[in-house]
Each structure stands twice: as C-alpha cells, then as structure tokens.
Amino acid sequence: MTTQELTIKVEEALNEIRPFLQSDGGDISLVSIENNKVVNVQLQGACVGCSVNQMTLKSGVEITIKKYAPQIERVVSVAQQ
C-alpha cells in the first residue's frame, strides 16, 4: 500500500469514528503517519480534557484504524500547538 493509499484508509477510519466523538462534543484529525506504522492524531474539542480520552484512543480509534489499515502498529495523540 502506498503512503497515499494508507492516508486515505486512515482518513476513512477517522470518518467512521468521528460521529461518535462529535456526539460528545469532540473531534479528531490526522496529523501524520510515521514509517507507515504509527498514526499521529490530534484530539479536539471535548476530547482534549476528557478523562477517558486514552481509552477512546486505544479501544475506539486505534481498533478502527487497524481495521482499515492492518499494518498500523499504534496510534498516538499529539498535543495541540
């Protein structure tokens, strides 16, 4: 899978999970993909200060991304700048 194809797959995964985050006042955006294995995302809105955002990241976002792109090894949340 090319880098462009991988980016499209990751965006499709984020589009699947985004409505759930938005229903709680949050959102997520793709920041980068490192070495076609690590996805860096940025949580936004209510997700930033949420006490369960790491659980959401692992059990929701990471699982969904791996469904679309199995070669992804992990998903990391990066701070807003």
Protein backbone atom coordinates (compact mmCIF):
# COMPACT_ATOMS: atom_id res chain seq x y z
CA MET A 1 0.00 0.00 0.00
CA THR A 2 1.43 3.38 -0.97
CA THR A 3 1.65 6.24 1.53
CA GLN A 4 -1.20 7.99 -0.28
CA GLU A 5 -3.40 4.88 -0.15
CA LEU A 6 -2.60 4.44 3.54
CA THR A 7 -3.51 8.05 4.27
CA ILE A 8 -6.85 7.57 2.50
CA LYS A 9 -7.54 4.40 4.53
CA VAL A 10 -6.71 6.15 7.81
CA GLU A 11 -8.96 9.09 6.88
CA GLU A 12 -11.77 6.63 6.09
CA ALA A 13 -11.30 5.09 9.54
CA LEU A 14 -11.39 8.51 11.20
CA ASN A 15 -14.55 9.35 9.27
CA GLU A 16 -16.14 6.21 10.72
CA ILE A 17 -15.30 7.10 14.33
CA ARG A 18 -15.73 10.88 14.05
CA PRO A 19 -19.55 10.94 14.53
CA PHE A 20 -19.16 9.20 17.90
CA LEU A 21 -16.60 11.77 19.04
CA GLN A 22 -18.66 14.66 17.70
CA SER A 23 -21.75 13.45 19.56
CA ASP A 24 -19.82 14.11 22.77
CA GLY A 25 -18.52 17.50 21.60
CA GLY A 26 -15.13 16.28 20.39
CA ASP A 27 -13.36 15.56 17.14
CA ILE A 28 -10.14 14.11 15.77
CA SER A 29 -7.78 14.96 12.94
CA LEU A 30 -4.89 13.16 11.26
CA VAL A 31 -1.55 14.86 11.89
CA SER A 32 0.87 12.41 10.25
CA ILE A 33 1.77 8.80 9.58
CA GLU A 34 5.32 7.77 10.53
CA ASN A 35 7.06 4.96 8.62
CA ASN A 36 3.63 3.62 7.54
CA LYS A 37 3.27 2.17 11.08
CA VAL A 38 2.46 4.95 13.58
CA VAL A 39 -0.51 7.27 13.17
CA ASN A 40 -0.34 10.64 14.94
CA VAL A 41 -3.72 12.20 15.59
CA GLN A 42 -4.92 15.29 17.39
CA LEU A 43 -7.94 15.11 19.65
CA GLN A 44 -10.06 18.24 19.61
CA GLY A 45 -12.90 19.87 21.50
CA ALA A 46 -14.27 17.96 24.49
CA CYS A 47 -11.86 15.08 23.78
CA VAL A 48 -8.87 17.19 24.85
CA GLY A 49 -9.78 17.36 28.53
CA CYS A 50 -11.76 14.14 28.74
CA SER A 51 -10.60 11.76 31.45
CA VAL A 52 -11.14 8.70 29.23
CA ASN A 53 -9.54 10.03 26.03
CA GLN A 54 -6.68 7.48 26.17
CA MET A 55 -9.19 4.65 26.44
CA THR A 56 -11.11 6.11 23.49
CA LEU A 57 -7.87 6.41 21.56
CA LYS A 58 -6.89 2.77 22.12
CA SER A 59 -10.23 0.96 22.18
CA GLY A 60 -12.04 3.08 19.60
CA VAL A 61 -9.71 4.96 17.29
CA GLU A 62 -6.81 2.50 17.13
CA ILE A 63 -9.02 -0.54 16.57
CA THR A 64 -10.95 1.25 13.82
CA ILE A 65 -7.77 2.41 12.07
CA LYS A 66 -6.29 -1.11 12.24
CA LYS A 67 -9.48 -2.46 10.66
CA TYR A 68 -8.85 -0.24 7.62
CA ALA A 69 -5.04 -0.45 7.67
CA PRO A 70 -3.78 -3.58 9.49
CA GLN A 71 -0.13 -2.58 9.08
CA ILE A 72 -0.58 0.27 11.56
CA GLU A 73 1.04 -0.69 14.85
CA ARG A 74 -0.15 2.13 17.09
CA VAL A 75 -1.99 5.42 17.27
CA VAL A 76 -0.58 8.33 19.24
CA SER A 77 -2.33 11.51 20.33
CA VAL A 78 -0.24 14.65 19.88
CA ALA A 79 -0.89 17.89 21.76
CA GLN A 80 -2.42 20.89 20.08
CA GLN A 81 0.08 23.57 19.17
